[in-house]
Amino acid sequence: MSSETQDLNAVRARRRLPRINPIWFVLAALIVAIIVYNPNFVQPVGYMNFLKRAAPLAILAAGQIYVIVSGGFDLSVGSTITLTVIGSSMLLNNNPDATWWVILLMYAMGLAIGLTNGLVVSILKVPSLIATLGMMITLSGLALMWSGGAPRGYLPESFRYFGRANITDLPLINILPISLIVLAVVVCLLWWLMHRTNYGRLVHAVGDNPRAAVLAGVPLMRVRVSAFVISSLTAVTAGILLGGFAGVSTDVGRGFELQAITAAVLGGAQLLGGRGSVSATIAGALTLTAIFTLLNFVGLPQPVREVVQGLILISAVAYAMYRRRHAVH
C-alpha cells in the first residue's frame, strides 16, 4: 500500500471519528481548577449552585445563538432582563396572586421587543448592531422611568420560585434547583428547533448566504424576525430566573448581552452568521461562569472579571476569524 493511500485512509478515519468541540475540554479543565481551590464543589450543593447561577446566562445564550447564526446581534437582551425584573415588581405590587398574569404579560412584552427588533432590521435594513443598541437604550430608559431610578417593591415567593426554589431530599444529588428544570426544558426545545427541524436549516442558510437563501425561496424576513423573537423570549425567561435568584435591581441585566455573545463565540459560533451550535453555546456559558467562579475563589475584584471577559471575547473572535480565513484558503 502506497504512502498516499495510507494518508488518505488516515484522513478518512479521522473524519469518521466524532468531533468534540474544544470548549468542552476547556470547561473540564476549569472545573478541575475550581475543585482544587474548593474541594466542596464536588458535593451536590456545590455543583448544583454553580449550575443554578449559570442557568440564566445559558438560557440567554441559547436564544442569542439564533440571532448570531442568522447573521445578526441582539444587544437589547440585557435591558430586556432588567425591564422584566423591574416591570414584574411594579405590576405585582406585592400581590402574589398576580404572578401568572404578570409572567404572561412579560412574555408578551418580550414578543413585542423581538418583533420590533426583527422588523427594524428586516424592513428598514438597519444593521442589527445599531437597531438593538437603540432598543437597549430605550428599554433601559423605560426601566428607570418605571422604577423612578431606584428599585421599588419586591417579588413575592410565587414569582421567585422559578429562580430560587429547590427540590430537596432527592437520591444521589440531594437537591435539584427549579431553574435547572427550566434550563433543561428551554435548551432541549431550542436544540431540537435548531438542529432537528427545517427551521434550523433555514436559520443557518440565511446567515451563511442571504442572497442565495432568497434565491432558493427562503422567507428571509420571517426567519430573521423569528430569531429575534426567540432571543427576546429567552431574555424574559432569564429575567424571571434572575429576579428569583437575586431580587429586584435596576442593573440586574447589565452586561448580560456581551456575556451571551461571548458564550456563543466560545462555543464556536461564527459572528458573521451561518455557523453555531446550541449545545456548544451552553458549554460556552458554563465555561464563562466557571471562569468567573474561579476568579472569585482567587479573590480578584469585579473590574478584573470584566477585563478578563473582554480579553476572552477578543481572543475568541480573533481565533474564529483566523480559523475561517484558513478554512476558505
C-alpha atoms as a PDB file:
ATOM      1  CA  MET A   1       0.000   0.000   0.000  1.00  0.00           C
ATOM      2  CA  SER A   2       1.421   3.382  -1.029  1.00  0.00           C
ATOM      3  CA  SER A   3       2.031   6.185   1.451  1.00  0.00           C
ATOM      4  CA  GLU A   4      -0.558   8.354  -0.358  1.00  0.00           C
ATOM      5  CA  THR A   5      -3.215   5.666   0.113  1.00  0.00           C
ATOM      6  CA  GLN A   6      -2.299   5.280   3.786  1.00  0.00           C
ATOM      7  CA  ASP A   7      -2.549   9.050   4.299  1.00  0.00           C
ATOM      8  CA  LEU A   8      -5.929   9.103   2.560  1.00  0.00           C
ATOM      9  CA  ASN A   9      -7.217   6.262   4.731  1.00  0.00           C
ATOM     10  CA  ALA A  10      -5.953   8.041   7.856  1.00  0.00           C
ATOM     11  CA  VAL A  11      -7.786  11.228   6.863  1.00  0.00           C
ATOM     12  CA  ARG A  12     -10.993   9.276   6.243  1.00  0.00           C
ATOM     13  CA  ALA A  13     -10.644   7.539   9.606  1.00  0.00           C
ATOM     14  CA  ARG A  14     -10.247  10.874  11.379  1.00  0.00           C
ATOM     15  CA  ARG A  15     -13.329  12.226   9.644  1.00  0.00           C
ATOM     16  CA  ARG A  16     -15.356   9.239  10.843  1.00  0.00           C
ATOM     17  CA  LEU A  17     -14.389   9.913  14.459  1.00  0.00           C
ATOM     18  CA  PRO A  18     -16.847  12.065  16.451  1.00  0.00           C
ATOM     19  CA  ARG A  19     -15.623  15.667  16.591  1.00  0.00           C
ATOM     20  CA  ILE A  20     -15.698  17.133  20.095  1.00  0.00           C
ATOM     21  CA  ASN A  21     -15.797  20.898  20.444  1.00  0.00           C
ATOM     22  CA  PRO A  22     -12.644  22.085  22.271  1.00  0.00           C
ATOM     23  CA  ILE A  23     -14.758  24.206  24.628  1.00  0.00           C
ATOM     24  CA  TRP A  24     -15.760  21.031  26.495  1.00  0.00           C
ATOM     25  CA  PHE A  25     -12.093  20.343  27.314  1.00  0.00           C
ATOM     26  CA  VAL A  26     -11.644  23.943  28.479  1.00  0.00           C
ATOM     27  CA  LEU A  27     -14.712  23.591  30.701  1.00  0.00           C
ATOM     28  CA  ALA A  28     -13.391  20.338  32.170  1.00  0.00           C
ATOM     29  CA  ALA A  29     -10.034  21.965  32.952  1.00  0.00           C
ATOM     30  CA  LEU A  30     -11.764  24.890  34.670  1.00  0.00           C
ATOM     31  CA  ILE A  31     -13.921  22.541  36.743  1.00  0.00           C
ATOM     32  CA  VAL A  32     -10.784  20.717  37.892  1.00  0.00           C
ATOM     33  CA  ALA A  33      -9.209  24.066  38.852  1.00  0.00           C
ATOM     34  CA  ILE A  34     -12.331  25.035  40.819  1.00  0.00           C
ATOM     35  CA  ILE A  35     -12.244  21.722  42.676  1.00  0.00           C
ATOM     36  CA  VAL A  36      -8.580  22.337  43.568  1.00  0.00           C
ATOM     37  CA  TYR A  37      -9.471  25.715  45.092  1.00  0.00           C
ATOM     38  CA  ASN A  38     -12.717  24.476  46.646  1.00  0.00           C
ATOM     39  CA  PRO A  39     -12.979  20.695  47.196  1.00  0.00           C
ATOM     40  CA  ASN A  40     -16.577  21.138  48.389  1.00  0.00           C
ATOM     41  CA  PHE A  41     -17.527  21.827  44.770  1.00  0.00           C
ATOM     42  CA  VAL A  42     -17.800  18.073  44.179  1.00  0.00           C
ATOM     43  CA  GLN A  43     -20.646  17.924  46.708  1.00  0.00           C
ATOM     44  CA  PRO A  44     -24.179  18.160  45.220  1.00  0.00           C
ATOM     45  CA  VAL A  45     -24.790  21.539  46.858  1.00  0.00           C
ATOM     46  CA  GLY A  46     -21.583  22.891  45.295  1.00  0.00           C
ATOM     47  CA  TYR A  47     -22.126  21.963  41.657  1.00  0.00           C
ATOM     48  CA  MET A  48     -25.903  22.434  41.802  1.00  0.00           C
ATOM     49  CA  ASN A  49     -25.457  26.018  42.994  1.00  0.00           C
ATOM     50  CA  PHE A  50     -22.937  26.538  40.197  1.00  0.00           C
ATOM     51  CA  LEU A  51     -25.457  25.322  37.614  1.00  0.00           C
ATOM     52  CA  LYS A  52     -28.156  27.423  39.258  1.00  0.00           C
ATOM     53  CA  ARG A  53     -26.038  30.554  38.802  1.00  0.00           C
ATOM     54  CA  ALA A  54     -25.219  29.578  35.218  1.00  0.00           C
ATOM     55  CA  ALA A  55     -28.822  28.843  34.175  1.00  0.00           C
ATOM     56  CA  PRO A  56     -29.915  32.419  33.248  1.00  0.00           C
ATOM     57  CA  LEU A  57     -26.825  33.035  31.096  1.00  0.00           C
ATOM     58  CA  ALA A  58     -27.095  29.608  29.458  1.00  0.00           C
ATOM     59  CA  ILE A  59     -30.740  30.227  28.530  1.00  0.00           C
ATOM     60  CA  LEU A  60     -29.936  33.720  27.260  1.00  0.00           C
ATOM     61  CA  ALA A  61     -27.009  32.470  25.165  1.00  0.00           C
ATOM     62  CA  ALA A  62     -29.138  29.661  23.717  1.00  0.00           C
ATOM     63  CA  GLY A  63     -31.518  32.316  22.384  1.00  0.00           C
ATOM     64  CA  GLN A  64     -28.748  34.670  21.267  1.00  0.00           C
ATOM     65  CA  ILE A  65     -27.219  31.938  19.094  1.00  0.00           C
ATOM     66  CA  TYR A  66     -30.290  32.058  16.818  1.00  0.00           C
ATOM     67  CA  VAL A  67     -29.656  35.724  16.047  1.00  0.00           C
ATOM     68  CA  ILE A  68     -25.917  35.185  15.606  1.00  0.00           C
ATOM     69  CA  VAL A  69     -26.346  32.198  13.286  1.00  0.00           C
ATOM     70  CA  SER A  70     -28.859  34.193  11.204  1.00  0.00           C
ATOM     71  CA  GLY A  71     -26.199  36.886  10.754  1.00  0.00           C
ATOM     72  CA  GLY A  72     -27.005  39.466  13.438  1.00  0.00           C
ATOM     73  CA  PHE A  73     -26.596  40.526  17.063  1.00  0.00           C
ATOM     74  CA  ASP A  74     -29.070  41.265  19.827  1.00  0.00           C
ATOM     75  CA  LEU A  75     -27.683  43.829  22.270  1.00  0.00           C
ATOM     76  CA  SER A  76     -31.088  44.505  23.836  1.00  0.00           C
ATOM     77  CA  VAL A  77     -31.333  41.305  25.883  1.00  0.00           C
ATOM     78  CA  GLY A  78     -29.645  42.734  28.989  1.00  0.00           C
ATOM     79  CA  SER A  79     -32.103  45.630  29.118  1.00  0.00           C
ATOM     80  CA  THR A  80     -34.955  43.201  28.471  1.00  0.00           C
ATOM     81  CA  ILE A  81     -33.859  41.275  31.565  1.00  0.00           C
ATOM     82  CA  THR A  82     -33.817  44.472  33.644  1.00  0.00           C
ATOM     83  CA  LEU A  83     -37.223  45.581  32.361  1.00  0.00           C
ATOM     84  CA  THR A  84     -38.630  42.128  33.110  1.00  0.00           C
ATOM     85  CA  VAL A  85     -37.497  42.288  36.739  1.00  0.00           C
ATOM     86  CA  ILE A  86     -38.462  45.935  37.294  1.00  0.00           C
ATOM     87  CA  GLY A  87     -41.764  45.602  35.443  1.00  0.00           C
ATOM     88  CA  SER A  88     -42.713  42.447  37.315  1.00  0.00           C
ATOM     89  CA  SER A  89     -42.047  44.025  40.721  1.00  0.00           C
ATOM     90  CA  MET A  90     -44.065  47.126  39.818  1.00  0.00           C
ATOM     91  CA  LEU A  91     -47.010  45.230  38.322  1.00  0.00           C
ATOM     92  CA  LEU A  92     -47.166  42.643  41.089  1.00  0.00           C
ATOM     93  CA  ASN A  93     -47.358  45.431  43.682  1.00  0.00           C
ATOM     94  CA  ASN A  94     -46.740  42.899  46.468  1.00  0.00           C
ATOM     95  CA  ASN A  95     -49.652  40.754  45.272  1.00  0.00           C
ATOM     96  CA  PRO A  96     -48.602  37.090  44.834  1.00  0.00           C
ATOM     97  CA  ASP A  97     -51.967  36.219  43.244  1.00  0.00           C
ATOM     98  CA  ALA A  98     -50.993  38.263  40.167  1.00  0.00           C
ATOM     99  CA  THR A  99     -47.873  36.195  39.439  1.00  0.00           C
ATOM    100  CA  TRP A 100     -49.121  34.231  36.445  1.00  0.00           C
ATOM    101  CA  TRP A 101     -50.723  37.078  34.522  1.00  0.00           C
ATOM    102  CA  VAL A 102     -47.660  39.246  35.135  1.00  0.00           C
ATOM    103  CA  ILE A 103     -45.406  36.489  33.756  1.00  0.00           C
ATOM    104  CA  LEU A 104     -47.651  36.200  30.684  1.00  0.00           C
ATOM    105  CA  LEU A 105     -47.508  39.969  30.264  1.00  0.00           C
ATOM    106  CA  MET A 106     -43.698  39.892  30.451  1.00  0.00           C
ATOM    107  CA  TYR A 107     -43.591  37.280  27.688  1.00  0.00           C
ATOM    108  CA  ALA A 108     -45.946  39.439  25.604  1.00  0.00           C
ATOM    109  CA  MET A 109     -43.517  42.323  26.167  1.00  0.00           C
ATOM    110  CA  GLY A 110     -40.621  40.111  25.064  1.00  0.00           C
ATOM    111  CA  LEU A 111     -42.566  39.124  21.947  1.00  0.00           C
ATOM    112  CA  ALA A 112     -43.135  42.800  21.102  1.00  0.00           C
ATOM    113  CA  ILE A 113     -39.445  43.639  21.628  1.00  0.00           C
ATOM    114  CA  GLY A 114     -38.318  40.761  19.417  1.00  0.00           C
ATOM    115  CA  LEU A 115     -40.804  41.654  16.676  1.00  0.00           C
ATOM    116  CA  THR A 116     -39.707  45.293  16.734  1.00  0.00           C
ATOM    117  CA  ASN A 117     -36.021  44.376  16.532  1.00  0.00           C
ATOM    118  CA  GLY A 118     -36.613  41.913  13.719  1.00  0.00           C
ATOM    119  CA  LEU A 119     -38.836  44.211  11.669  1.00  0.00           C
ATOM    120  CA  VAL A 120     -36.481  47.183  12.014  1.00  0.00           C
ATOM    121  CA  VAL A 121     -33.587  45.011  10.824  1.00  0.00           C
ATOM    122  CA  SER A 122     -35.520  43.258   8.045  1.00  0.00           C
ATOM    123  CA  ILE A 123     -37.738  46.041   6.653  1.00  0.00           C
ATOM    124  CA  LEU A 124     -35.788  49.219   7.402  1.00  0.00           C
ATOM    125  CA  LYS A 125     -32.453  47.467   6.725  1.00  0.00           C
ATOM    126  CA  VAL A 126     -30.903  48.920   9.883  1.00  0.00           C
ATOM    127  CA  PRO A 127     -27.837  46.880  10.959  1.00  0.00           C
ATOM    128  CA  SER A 128     -28.773  44.671  13.903  1.00  0.00           C
ATOM    129  CA  LEU A 129     -25.946  46.143  15.986  1.00  0.00           C
ATOM    130  CA  ILE A 130     -27.455  49.635  15.690  1.00  0.00           C
ATOM    131  CA  ALA A 131     -31.105  48.562  15.916  1.00  0.00           C
ATOM    132  CA  THR A 132     -30.662  46.519  19.078  1.00  0.00           C
ATOM    133  CA  LEU A 133     -28.323  49.119  20.603  1.00  0.00           C
ATOM    134  CA  GLY A 134     -31.123  51.649  20.194  1.00  0.00           C
ATOM    135  CA  MET A 135     -33.580  49.191  21.728  1.00  0.00           C
ATOM    136  CA  MET A 136     -31.177  48.580  24.614  1.00  0.00           C
ATOM    137  CA  ILE A 137     -31.026  52.307  25.408  1.00  0.00           C
ATOM    138  CA  THR A 138     -34.808  52.643  25.060  1.00  0.00           C
ATOM    139  CA  LEU A 139     -35.565  49.737  27.398  1.00  0.00           C
ATOM    140  CA  SER A 140     -33.014  50.948  29.943  1.00  0.00           C
ATOM    141  CA  GLY A 141     -34.717  54.351  29.943  1.00  0.00           C
ATOM    142  CA  LEU A 142     -38.142  52.756  30.336  1.00  0.00           C
ATOM    143  CA  ALA A 143     -36.935  50.677  33.289  1.00  0.00           C
ATOM    144  CA  LEU A 144     -35.513  53.772  35.008  1.00  0.00           C
ATOM    145  CA  MET A 145     -38.675  55.785  34.341  1.00  0.00           C
ATOM    146  CA  TRP A 146     -40.914  52.992  35.577  1.00  0.00           C
ATOM    147  CA  SER A 147     -38.949  52.469  38.772  1.00  0.00           C
ATOM    148  CA  GLY A 148     -38.204  56.129  39.420  1.00  0.00           C
ATOM    149  CA  GLY A 149     -34.481  55.403  39.252  1.00  0.00           C
ATOM    150  CA  ALA A 150     -34.484  53.013  42.197  1.00  0.00           C
ATOM    151  CA  PRO A 151     -35.902  49.521  42.750  1.00  0.00           C
ATOM    152  CA  ARG A 152     -39.289  49.554  44.438  1.00  0.00           C
ATOM    153  CA  GLY A 153     -41.484  46.756  45.704  1.00  0.00           C
ATOM    154  CA  TYR A 154     -40.449  43.161  45.913  1.00  0.00           C
ATOM    155  CA  LEU A 155     -41.014  39.924  44.077  1.00  0.00           C
ATOM    156  CA  PRO A 156     -43.230  37.510  46.031  1.00  0.00           C
ATOM    157  CA  GLU A 157     -42.198  33.924  46.618  1.00  0.00           C
ATOM    158  CA  SER A 158     -44.642  32.718  43.974  1.00  0.00           C
ATOM    159  CA  PHE A 159     -42.593  34.638  41.376  1.00  0.00           C
ATOM    160  CA  ARG A 160     -39.173  33.927  42.862  1.00  0.00           C
ATOM    161  CA  TYR A 161     -39.935  30.200  42.969  1.00  0.00           C
ATOM    162  CA  PHE A 162     -38.507  29.578  39.477  1.00  0.00           C
ATOM    163  CA  GLY A 163     -35.094  31.078  40.197  1.00  0.00           C
ATOM    164  CA  ARG A 164     -34.816  30.391  43.911  1.00  0.00           C
ATOM    165  CA  ALA A 165     -36.557  27.170  44.920  1.00  0.00           C
ATOM    166  CA  ASN A 166     -35.001  23.695  45.111  1.00  0.00           C
ATOM    167  CA  ILE A 167     -36.452  20.215  45.125  1.00  0.00           C
ATOM    168  CA  THR A 168     -34.810  18.540  48.115  1.00  0.00           C
ATOM    169  CA  ASP A 169     -34.206  15.064  49.539  1.00  0.00           C
ATOM    170  CA  LEU A 170     -33.552  13.508  46.151  1.00  0.00           C
ATOM    171  CA  PRO A 171     -31.387  10.379  45.890  1.00  0.00           C
ATOM    172  CA  LEU A 172     -27.760  10.871  44.797  1.00  0.00           C
ATOM    173  CA  ILE A 173     -27.981  14.608  44.020  1.00  0.00           C
ATOM    174  CA  ASN A 174     -29.900  15.608  47.175  1.00  0.00           C
ATOM    175  CA  ILE A 175     -31.160  18.918  45.681  1.00  0.00           C
ATOM    176  CA  LEU A 176     -32.398  19.978  42.255  1.00  0.00           C
ATOM    177  CA  PRO A 177     -32.929  23.710  41.590  1.00  0.00           C
ATOM    178  CA  ILE A 178     -36.129  24.522  39.724  1.00  0.00           C
ATOM    179  CA  SER A 179     -34.031  26.791  37.480  1.00  0.00           C
ATOM    180  CA  LEU A 180     -32.211  23.703  36.179  1.00  0.00           C
ATOM    181  CA  ILE A 181     -35.508  22.143  35.154  1.00  0.00           C
ATOM    182  CA  VAL A 182     -36.362  25.359  33.317  1.00  0.00           C
ATOM    183  CA  LEU A 183     -32.899  25.319  31.715  1.00  0.00           C
ATOM    184  CA  ALA A 184     -33.268  21.703  30.584  1.00  0.00           C
ATOM    185  CA  VAL A 185     -36.695  22.313  29.042  1.00  0.00           C
ATOM    186  CA  VAL A 186     -35.655  25.504  27.221  1.00  0.00           C
ATOM    187  CA  VAL A 187     -32.340  24.116  25.969  1.00  0.00           C
ATOM    188  CA  CYS A 188     -33.874  20.856  24.731  1.00  0.00           C
ATOM    189  CA  LEU A 189     -36.546  22.806  22.858  1.00  0.00           C
ATOM    190  CA  LEU A 190     -34.059  25.235  21.302  1.00  0.00           C
ATOM    191  CA  TRP A 191     -31.590  22.435  20.440  1.00  0.00           C
ATOM    192  CA  TRP A 192     -34.343  20.455  18.707  1.00  0.00           C
ATOM    193  CA  LEU A 193     -35.545  23.546  16.837  1.00  0.00           C
ATOM    194  CA  MET A 194     -32.044  24.482  15.676  1.00  0.00           C
ATOM    195  CA  HIS A 195     -30.622  21.057  14.830  1.00  0.00           C
ATOM    196  CA  ARG A 196     -33.557  18.779  14.076  1.00  0.00           C
ATOM    197  CA  THR A 197     -36.043  20.898  12.113  1.00  0.00           C
ATOM    198  CA  ASN A 198     -36.185  22.575   8.744  1.00  0.00           C
ATOM    199  CA  TYR A 199     -36.391  25.936  10.509  1.00  0.00           C
ATOM    200  CA  GLY A 200     -32.901  25.433  11.938  1.00  0.00           C
ATOM    201  CA  ARG A 201     -31.551  24.733   8.457  1.00  0.00           C
ATOM    202  CA  LEU A 202     -33.182  27.937   7.213  1.00  0.00           C
ATOM    203  CA  VAL A 203     -31.547  29.947  10.015  1.00  0.00           C
ATOM    204  CA  HIS A 204     -28.132  28.594   9.012  1.00  0.00           C
ATOM    205  CA  ALA A 205     -28.837  29.248   5.324  1.00  0.00           C
ATOM    206  CA  VAL A 206     -29.848  32.863   5.955  1.00  0.00           C
ATOM    207  CA  GLY A 207     -26.710  33.532   7.969  1.00  0.00           C
ATOM    208  CA  ASP A 208     -24.375  31.742   5.572  1.00  0.00           C
ATOM    209  CA  ASN A 209     -25.512  33.447   2.350  1.00  0.00           C
ATOM    210  CA  PRO A 210     -28.642  35.643   2.495  1.00  0.00           C
ATOM    211  CA  ARG A 211     -28.775  36.262  -1.265  1.00  0.00           C
ATOM    212  CA  ALA A 212     -28.536  32.572  -2.112  1.00  0.00           C
ATOM    213  CA  ALA A 213     -31.160  31.824   0.543  1.00  0.00           C
ATOM    214  CA  VAL A 214     -33.589  34.304  -1.048  1.00  0.00           C
ATOM    215  CA  LEU A 215     -32.983  32.811  -4.490  1.00  0.00           C
ATOM    216  CA  ALA A 216     -33.700  29.378  -3.006  1.00  0.00           C
ATOM    217  CA  GLY A 217     -37.059  30.615  -1.721  1.00  0.00           C
ATOM    218  CA  VAL A 218     -36.176  31.013   1.953  1.00  0.00           C
ATOM    219  CA  PRO A 219     -38.516  33.519   3.708  1.00  0.00           C
ATOM    220  CA  LEU A 220     -35.677  35.773   4.818  1.00  0.00           C
ATOM    221  CA  MET A 221     -37.717  38.282   6.838  1.00  0.00           C
ATOM    222  CA  ARG A 222     -39.717  35.615   8.647  1.00  0.00           C
ATOM    223  CA  VAL A 223     -36.597  33.702   9.662  1.00  0.00           C
ATOM    224  CA  ARG A 224     -34.746  36.789  10.908  1.00  0.00           C
ATOM    225  CA  VAL A 225     -37.729  38.181  12.809  1.00  0.00           C
ATOM    226  CA  SER A 226     -38.373  34.832  14.474  1.00  0.00           C
ATOM    227  CA  ALA A 227     -34.707  34.638  15.549  1.00  0.00           C
ATOM    228  CA  PHE A 228     -35.021  37.997  17.331  1.00  0.00           C
ATOM    229  CA  VAL A 229     -38.290  36.866  18.930  1.00  0.00           C
ATOM    230  CA  ILE A 230     -36.627  33.717  20.285  1.00  0.00           C
ATOM    231  CA  SER A 231     -33.779  35.814  21.677  1.00  0.00           C
ATOM    232  CA  SER A 232     -36.160  38.224  23.427  1.00  0.00           C
ATOM    233  CA  LEU A 233     -38.282  35.430  24.898  1.00  0.00           C
ATOM    234  CA  THR A 234     -35.207  33.741  26.348  1.00  0.00           C
ATOM    235  CA  ALA A 235     -34.203  37.129  27.817  1.00  0.00           C
ATOM    236  CA  VAL A 236     -37.557  37.287  29.617  1.00  0.00           C
ATOM    237  CA  THR A 237     -37.023  33.743  30.900  1.00  0.00           C
ATOM    238  CA  ALA A 238     -33.552  34.681  32.134  1.00  0.00           C
ATOM    239  CA  GLY A 239     -35.036  37.772  33.787  1.00  0.00           C
ATOM    240  CA  ILE A 240     -37.585  35.679  35.666  1.00  0.00           C
ATOM    241  CA  LEU A 241     -34.840  33.380  36.940  1.00  0.00           C
ATOM    242  CA  LEU A 242     -32.549  36.277  37.888  1.00  0.00           C
ATOM    243  CA  GLY A 243     -35.398  38.054  39.659  1.00  0.00           C
ATOM    244  CA  GLY A 244     -35.971  34.930  41.716  1.00  0.00           C
ATOM    245  CA  PHE A 245     -32.278  34.411  42.383  1.00  0.00           C
ATOM    246  CA  ALA A 246     -31.081  37.964  43.012  1.00  0.00           C
ATOM    247  CA  GLY A 247     -34.202  40.029  43.679  1.00  0.00           C
ATOM    248  CA  VAL A 248     -35.089  43.477  42.318  1.00  0.00           C
ATOM    249  CA  SER A 249     -32.306  45.675  40.954  1.00  0.00           C
ATOM    250  CA  THR A 250     -32.117  48.403  38.313  1.00  0.00           C
ATOM    251  CA  ASP A 251     -28.956  46.915  36.804  1.00  0.00           C
ATOM    252  CA  VAL A 252     -29.739  43.204  37.130  1.00  0.00           C
ATOM    253  CA  GLY A 253     -29.301  42.665  33.386  1.00  0.00           C
ATOM    254  CA  ARG A 254     -26.236  44.845  32.905  1.00  0.00           C
ATOM    255  CA  GLY A 255     -23.555  43.172  30.822  1.00  0.00           C
ATOM    256  CA  PHE A 256     -25.551  40.041  30.038  1.00  0.00           C
ATOM    257  CA  GLU A 257     -25.787  40.902  26.341  1.00  0.00           C
ATOM    258  CA  LEU A 258     -21.996  40.734  25.977  1.00  0.00           C
ATOM    259  CA  GLN A 259     -21.768  37.649  28.170  1.00  0.00           C
ATOM    260  CA  ALA A 260     -24.270  35.863  25.920  1.00  0.00           C
ATOM    261  CA  ILE A 261     -22.307  36.812  22.799  1.00  0.00           C
ATOM    262  CA  THR A 262     -19.061  35.742  24.470  1.00  0.00           C
ATOM    263  CA  ALA A 263     -20.602  32.373  25.388  1.00  0.00           C
ATOM    264  CA  ALA A 264     -21.705  31.841  21.787  1.00  0.00           C
ATOM    265  CA  VAL A 265     -18.261  32.747  20.425  1.00  0.00           C
ATOM    266  CA  LEU A 266     -16.560  30.472  22.957  1.00  0.00           C
ATOM    267  CA  GLY A 267     -18.817  27.715  21.668  1.00  0.00           C
ATOM    268  CA  GLY A 268     -17.508  28.247  18.143  1.00  0.00           C
ATOM    269  CA  ALA A 269     -20.273  30.421  16.692  1.00  0.00           C
ATOM    270  CA  GLN A 270     -19.333  32.385  13.604  1.00  0.00           C
ATOM    271  CA  LEU A 271     -20.072  36.066  14.190  1.00  0.00           C
ATOM    272  CA  LEU A 272     -20.782  36.694  10.511  1.00  0.00           C
ATOM    273  CA  GLY A 273     -23.520  34.058  10.606  1.00  0.00           C
ATOM    274  CA  GLY A 274     -24.067  30.601   9.197  1.00  0.00           C
ATOM    275  CA  ARG A 275     -22.483  28.542  11.949  1.00  0.00           C
ATOM    276  CA  GLY A 276     -23.363  27.823  15.569  1.00  0.00           C
ATOM    277  CA  SER A 277     -24.500  25.125  17.952  1.00  0.00           C
ATOM    278  CA  VAL A 278     -26.895  25.336  20.894  1.00  0.00           C
ATOM    279  CA  SER A 279     -25.068  22.657  22.899  1.00  0.00           C
ATOM    280  CA  ALA A 280     -21.646  24.277  22.317  1.00  0.00           C
ATOM    281  CA  THR A 281     -23.120  27.650  23.296  1.00  0.00           C
ATOM    282  CA  ILE A 282     -24.340  26.136  26.580  1.00  0.00           C
ATOM    283  CA  ALA A 283     -20.794  24.855  27.121  1.00  0.00           C
ATOM    284  CA  GLY A 284     -19.557  28.389  26.437  1.00  0.00           C
ATOM    285  CA  ALA A 285     -21.946  29.801  29.042  1.00  0.00           C
ATOM    286  CA  LEU A 286     -20.833  27.213  31.607  1.00  0.00           C
ATOM    287  CA  THR A 287     -17.192  27.982  30.783  1.00  0.00           C
ATOM    288  CA  LEU A 288     -17.731  31.697  31.301  1.00  0.00           C
ATOM    289  CA  THR A 289     -19.470  31.050  34.614  1.00  0.00           C
ATOM    290  CA  ALA A 290     -16.632  28.718  35.639  1.00  0.00           C
ATOM    291  CA  ILE A 291     -14.081  31.437  34.818  1.00  0.00           C
ATOM    292  CA  PHE A 292     -15.971  33.952  36.967  1.00  0.00           C
ATOM    293  CA  THR A 293     -16.286  31.405  39.778  1.00  0.00           C
ATOM    294  CA  LEU A 294     -12.569  30.669  39.671  1.00  0.00           C
ATOM    295  CA  LEU A 295     -11.724  34.385  39.709  1.00  0.00           C
ATOM    296  CA  ASN A 296     -13.914  34.796  42.792  1.00  0.00           C
ATOM    297  CA  PHE A 297     -12.114  31.932  44.526  1.00  0.00           C
ATOM    298  CA  VAL A 298      -8.771  33.503  43.666  1.00  0.00           C
ATOM    299  CA  GLY A 299     -10.030  36.770  45.167  1.00  0.00           C
ATOM    300  CA  LEU A 300      -9.800  39.047  42.133  1.00  0.00           C
ATOM    301  CA  PRO A 301     -12.191  42.053  42.145  1.00  0.00           C
ATOM    302  CA  GLN A 302     -15.114  42.723  39.790  1.00  0.00           C
ATOM    303  CA  PRO A 303     -13.196  45.084  37.438  1.00  0.00           C
ATOM    304  CA  VAL A 304     -10.672  42.317  36.762  1.00  0.00           C
ATOM    305  CA  ARG A 305     -13.531  39.991  35.850  1.00  0.00           C
ATOM    306  CA  GLU A 306     -14.743  42.473  33.240  1.00  0.00           C
ATOM    307  CA  VAL A 307     -11.216  42.826  31.840  1.00  0.00           C
ATOM    308  CA  VAL A 308     -10.938  39.044  31.574  1.00  0.00           C
ATOM    309  CA  GLN A 309     -14.312  38.820  29.843  1.00  0.00           C
ATOM    310  CA  GLY A 310     -13.252  41.443  27.296  1.00  0.00           C
ATOM    311  CA  LEU A 311      -9.976  39.661  26.593  1.00  0.00           C
ATOM    312  CA  ILE A 312     -11.801  36.347  26.211  1.00  0.00           C
ATOM    313  CA  LEU A 313     -14.225  37.860  23.706  1.00  0.00           C
ATOM    314  CA  ILE A 314     -11.441  39.490  21.662  1.00  0.00           C
ATOM    315  CA  SER A 315      -9.353  36.305  21.668  1.00  0.00           C
ATOM    316  CA  ALA A 316     -12.267  34.056  20.756  1.00  0.00           C
ATOM    317  CA  VAL A 317     -13.352  36.304  17.878  1.00  0.00           C
ATOM    318  CA  ALA A 318      -9.771  36.616  16.606  1.00  0.00           C
ATOM    319  CA  TYR A 319      -9.370  32.832  16.683  1.00  0.00           C
ATOM    320  CA  ALA A 320     -12.714  32.320  14.924  1.00  0.00           C
ATOM    321  CA  MET A 321     -11.767  34.747  12.135  1.00  0.00           C
ATOM    322  CA  TYR A 322      -8.336  33.131  11.787  1.00  0.00           C
ATOM    323  CA  ARG A 323      -9.940  29.700  11.512  1.00  0.00           C
ATOM    324  CA  ARG A 324     -12.430  30.928   8.935  1.00  0.00           C
ATOM    325  CA  ARG A 325      -9.733  32.504   6.729  1.00  0.00           C
ATOM    326  CA  HIS A 326      -7.710  29.287   6.754  1.00  0.00           C
ATOM    327  CA  ALA A 327     -10.821  27.212   6.039  1.00  0.00           C
ATOM    328  CA  VAL A 328     -11.536  29.370   2.984  1.00  0.00           C
ATOM    329  CA  HIS A 329      -7.972  29.071   1.697  1.00  0.00           C
END
